[in-house]
């Protein structure tokens, strides 16, 4: 019972840190893409 609880606590801690890392990386990537889009002056024209 104690082993299962410890494993569950470790897994929960790992998942929380993993999600925090993914959110940080996603936010950084979005910021970089937005900044590059504005500084690069890329205009997107949707003409069909």
PDB file of N, CA and C in Angstrom:
ATOM      1  N   UNK A   1       0.824  -1.196   0.000  1.00  0.00           N
ATOM      2  CA  UNK A   1       0.000   0.000   0.000  1.00  0.00           C
ATOM      3  C   UNK A   1       0.869   1.263   0.000  1.00  0.00           C
ATOM      4  N   UNK A   2       1.902   1.268   0.814  1.00  0.00           N
ATOM      5  CA  UNK A   2       2.786   2.438   0.884  1.00  0.00           C
ATOM      6  C   UNK A   2       3.551   2.605  -0.420  1.00  0.00           C
ATOM      7  N   UNK A   3       3.982   1.478  -1.025  1.00  0.00           N
ATOM      8  CA  UNK A   3       4.721   1.549  -2.285  1.00  0.00           C
ATOM      9  C   UNK A   3       3.844   2.153  -3.384  1.00  0.00           C
ATOM     10  N   UNK A   4       2.595   1.744  -3.435  1.00  0.00           N
ATOM     11  CA  UNK A   4       1.665   2.281  -4.437  1.00  0.00           C
ATOM     12  C   UNK A   4       1.441   3.763  -4.225  1.00  0.00           C
ATOM     13  N   UNK A   5       1.286   4.176  -2.982  1.00  0.00           N
ATOM     14  CA  UNK A   5       1.077   5.592  -2.682  1.00  0.00           C
ATOM     15  C   UNK A   5       2.300   6.414  -3.064  1.00  0.00           C
ATOM     16  N   UNK A   6       3.489   5.904  -2.760  1.00  0.00           N
ATOM     17  CA  UNK A   6       4.709   6.619  -3.131  1.00  0.00           C
ATOM     18  C   UNK A   6       4.857   6.705  -4.645  1.00  0.00           C
ATOM     19  N   UNK A   7       4.541   5.622  -5.342  1.00  0.00           N
ATOM     20  CA  UNK A   7       4.639   5.642  -6.800  1.00  0.00           C
ATOM     21  C   UNK A   7       3.627   6.619  -7.385  1.00  0.00           C
ATOM     22  N   UNK A   8       2.425   6.643  -6.824  1.00  0.00           N
ATOM     23  CA  UNK A   8       1.410   7.587  -7.293  1.00  0.00           C
ATOM     24  C   UNK A   8       1.811   9.029  -7.051  1.00  0.00           C
ATOM     25  N   UNK A   9       2.412   9.279  -5.909  1.00  0.00           N
ATOM     26  CA  UNK A   9       2.863  10.642  -5.588  1.00  0.00           C
ATOM     27  C   UNK A   9       3.992  11.065  -6.524  1.00  0.00           C
ATOM     28  N   UNK A  10       4.908  10.135  -6.800  1.00  0.00           N
ATOM     29  CA  UNK A  10       5.997  10.445  -7.726  1.00  0.00           C
ATOM     30  C   UNK A  10       5.473  10.709  -9.133  1.00  0.00           C
ATOM     31  N   UNK A  11       4.507   9.888  -9.564  1.00  0.00           N
ATOM     32  CA  UNK A  11       3.931  10.065 -10.894  1.00  0.00           C
ATOM     33  C   UNK A  11       3.191  11.390 -10.983  1.00  0.00           C
ATOM     34  N   UNK A  12       2.452  11.736  -9.952  1.00  0.00           N
ATOM     35  CA  UNK A  12       1.730  13.005  -9.932  1.00  0.00           C
ATOM     36  C   UNK A  12       2.690  14.185 -10.002  1.00  0.00           C
ATOM     37  N   UNK A  13       3.774  14.108  -9.239  1.00  0.00           N
ATOM     38  CA  UNK A  13       4.780  15.181  -9.248  1.00  0.00           C
ATOM     39  C   UNK A  13       5.438  15.297 -10.624  1.00  0.00           C
ATOM     40  N   UNK A  14       5.733  14.144 -11.240  1.00  0.00           N
ATOM     41  CA  UNK A  14       6.338  14.148 -12.571  1.00  0.00           C
ATOM     42  C   UNK A  14       5.395  14.763 -13.596  1.00  0.00           C
ATOM     43  N   UNK A  15       4.120  14.393 -13.539  1.00  0.00           N
ATOM     44  CA  UNK A  15       3.158  14.926 -14.503  1.00  0.00           C
ATOM     45  C   UNK A  15       2.964  16.424 -14.343  1.00  0.00           C
ATOM     46  N   UNK A  16       2.968  16.896 -13.102  1.00  0.00           N
ATOM     47  CA  UNK A  16       2.829  18.335 -12.876  1.00  0.00           C
ATOM     48  C   UNK A  16       4.021  19.093 -13.443  1.00  0.00           C
ATOM     49  N   UNK A  17       5.233  18.581 -13.232  1.00  0.00           N
ATOM     50  CA  UNK A  17       6.410  19.267 -13.752  1.00  0.00           C
ATOM     51  C   UNK A  17       6.467  19.154 -15.277  1.00  0.00           C
ATOM     52  N   UNK A  18       5.999  18.019 -15.813  1.00  0.00           N
ATOM     53  CA  UNK A  18       5.966  17.849 -17.264  1.00  0.00           C
ATOM     54  C   UNK A  18       4.997  18.841 -17.901  1.00  0.00           C
ATOM     55  N   UNK A  19       3.811  18.985 -17.312  1.00  0.00           N
ATOM     56  CA  UNK A  19       2.832  19.924 -17.852  1.00  0.00           C
ATOM     57  C   UNK A  19       3.334  21.366 -17.752  1.00  0.00           C
ATOM     58  N   UNK A  20       4.003  21.688 -16.659  1.00  0.00           N
ATOM     59  CA  UNK A  20       4.563  23.031 -16.510  1.00  0.00           C
ATOM     60  C   UNK A  20       5.628  23.289 -17.569  1.00  0.00           C
ATOM     61  N   UNK A  21       6.463  22.288 -17.833  1.00  0.00           N
ATOM     62  CA  UNK A  21       7.489  22.444 -18.865  1.00  0.00           C
ATOM     63  C   UNK A  21       6.867  22.597 -20.242  1.00  0.00           C
ATOM     64  N   UNK A  22       5.814  21.820 -20.540  1.00  0.00           N
ATOM     65  CA  UNK A  22       5.148  21.919 -21.838  1.00  0.00           C
ATOM     66  C   UNK A  22       4.480  23.278 -22.020  1.00  0.00           C
ATOM     67  N   UNK A  23       3.853  23.783 -20.972  1.00  0.00           N
ATOM     68  CA  UNK A  23       3.238  25.108 -21.057  1.00  0.00           C
ATOM     69  C   UNK A  23       4.283  26.188 -21.280  1.00  0.00           C
ATOM     70  N   UNK A  24       5.417  26.074 -20.594  1.00  0.00           N
ATOM     71  CA  UNK A  24       6.492  27.052 -20.765  1.00  0.00           C
ATOM     72  C   UNK A  24       7.046  27.008 -22.180  1.00  0.00           C
ATOM     73  N   UNK A  25       7.299  25.795 -22.691  1.00  0.00           N
ATOM     74  CA  UNK A  25       7.832  25.673 -24.044  1.00  0.00           C
ATOM     75  C   UNK A  25       6.841  26.144 -25.096  1.00  0.00           C
ATOM     76  N   UNK A  26       5.572  25.838 -24.910  1.00  0.00           N
ATOM     77  CA  UNK A  26       4.547  26.279 -25.860  1.00  0.00           C
ATOM     78  C   UNK A  26       4.416  27.798 -25.862  1.00  0.00           C
ATOM     79  N   UNK A  27       4.434  28.384 -24.684  1.00  0.00           N
ATOM     80  CA  UNK A  27       4.365  29.843 -24.585  1.00  0.00           C
ATOM     81  C   UNK A  27       5.569  30.515 -25.214  1.00  0.00           C
ATOM     82  N   UNK A  28       6.743  29.956 -24.988  1.00  0.00           N
ATOM     83  CA  UNK A  28       7.958  30.513 -25.570  1.00  0.00           C
ATOM     84  C   UNK A  28       7.930  30.403 -27.094  1.00  0.00           C
ATOM     85  N   UNK A  29       7.473  29.265 -27.600  1.00  0.00           N
ATOM     86  CA  UNK A  29       7.390  29.081 -29.051  1.00  0.00           C
ATOM     87  C   UNK A  29       6.391  30.048 -29.668  1.00  0.00           C
ATOM     88  N   UNK A  30       5.243  30.222 -29.031  1.00  0.00           N
ATOM     89  CA  UNK A  30       4.230  31.148 -29.547  1.00  0.00           C
ATOM     90  C   UNK A  30       4.750  32.578 -29.548  1.00  0.00           C
ATOM     91  N   UNK A  31       5.437  32.953 -28.482  1.00  0.00           N
ATOM     92  CA  UNK A  31       6.003  34.297 -28.409  1.00  0.00           C
ATOM     93  C   UNK A  31       7.061  34.504 -29.487  1.00  0.00           C
ATOM     94  N   UNK A  32       7.913  33.495 -29.692  1.00  0.00           N
ATOM     95  CA  UNK A  32       8.945  33.594 -30.723  1.00  0.00           C
ATOM     96  C   UNK A  32       8.363  33.696 -32.121  1.00  0.00           C
ATOM     97  N   UNK A  33       7.326  32.909 -32.391  1.00  0.00           N
ATOM     98  CA  UNK A  33       6.693  32.972 -33.712  1.00  0.00           C
ATOM     99  C   UNK A  33       6.019  34.318 -33.938  1.00  0.00           C
ATOM    100  N   UNK A  34       5.350  34.822 -32.916  1.00  0.00           N
ATOM    101  CA  UNK A  34       4.689  36.120 -33.040  1.00  0.00           C
ATOM    102  C   UNK A  34       5.703  37.234 -33.241  1.00  0.00           C
ATOM    103  N   UNK A  35       6.755  37.199 -32.465  1.00  0.00           N
ATOM    104  CA  UNK A  35       7.793  38.221 -32.584  1.00  0.00           C
ATOM    105  C   UNK A  35       8.464  38.162 -33.951  1.00  0.00           C
ATOM    106  N   UNK A  36       8.760  36.962 -34.428  1.00  0.00           N
ATOM    107  CA  UNK A  36       9.357  36.819 -35.749  1.00  0.00           C
ATOM    108  C   UNK A  36       8.429  37.267 -36.848  1.00  0.00           C
ATOM    109  N   UNK A  37       7.130  37.027 -36.672  1.00  0.00           N
ATOM    110  CA  UNK A  37       6.154  37.436 -37.670  1.00  0.00           C
ATOM    111  C   UNK A  37       6.086  38.951 -37.766  1.00  0.00           C
ATOM    112  N   UNK A  38       6.081  39.629 -36.602  1.00  0.00           N
ATOM    113  CA  UNK A  38       6.023  41.089 -36.608  1.00  0.00           C
ATOM    114  C   UNK A  38       7.331  41.705 -37.091  1.00  0.00           C
ATOM    115  N   UNK A  39       8.454  41.207 -36.617  1.00  0.00           N
ATOM    116  CA  UNK A  39       9.738  41.791 -37.002  1.00  0.00           C
ATOM    117  C   UNK A  39      10.100  41.466 -38.437  1.00  0.00           C
ATOM    118  N   UNK A  40       9.651  40.311 -38.923  1.00  0.00           N
ATOM    119  CA  UNK A  40       9.941  39.940 -40.302  1.00  0.00           C
ATOM    120  C   UNK A  40       9.062  40.639 -41.307  1.00  0.00           C
ATOM    121  N   UNK A  41       7.976  41.216 -40.859  1.00  0.00           N
ATOM    122  CA  UNK A  41       7.100  41.922 -41.758  1.00  0.00           C
ATOM    123  C   UNK A  41       6.420  41.023 -42.771  1.00  0.00           C
ATOM    124  N   UNK A  42       6.118  39.809 -42.363  1.00  0.00           N
ATOM    125  CA  UNK A  42       5.486  38.875 -43.273  1.00  0.00           C
ATOM    126  C   UNK A  42       3.997  39.220 -43.362  1.00  0.00           C
ATOM    127  N   UNK A  43       3.531  39.444 -44.583  1.00  0.00           N
ATOM    128  CA  UNK A  43       2.113  39.699 -44.749  1.00  0.00           C
ATOM    129  C   UNK A  43       1.475  38.471 -45.373  1.00  0.00           C
ATOM    130  N   UNK A  44       0.411  38.036 -44.800  1.00  0.00           N
ATOM    131  CA  UNK A  44      -0.282  36.857 -45.286  1.00  0.00           C
ATOM    132  C   UNK A  44      -1.538  37.324 -46.009  1.00  0.00           C
ATOM    133  N   UNK A  45      -1.594  37.053 -47.282  1.00  0.00           N
ATOM    134  CA  UNK A  45      -2.755  37.430 -48.084  1.00  0.00           C
ATOM    135  C   UNK A  45      -3.525  36.214 -48.470  1.00  0.00           C
ATOM    136  N   UNK A  46      -4.773  36.152 -48.062  1.00  0.00           N
ATOM    137  CA  UNK A  46      -5.620  35.025 -48.409  1.00  0.00           C
ATOM    138  C   UNK A  46      -6.505  35.422 -49.577  1.00  0.00           C
ATOM    139  N   UNK A  47      -6.005  35.194 -50.762  1.00  0.00           N
ATOM    140  CA  UNK A  47      -6.781  35.509 -51.971  1.00  0.00           C
ATOM    141  C   UNK A  47      -7.038  34.212 -52.733  1.00  0.00           C
ATOM    142  N   UNK A  48      -8.297  33.958 -52.962  1.00  0.00           N
ATOM    143  CA  UNK A  48      -8.658  32.736 -53.672  1.00  0.00           C
ATOM    144  C   UNK A  48      -9.326  33.076 -54.976  1.00  0.00           C
TER     145      UNK A  48
END
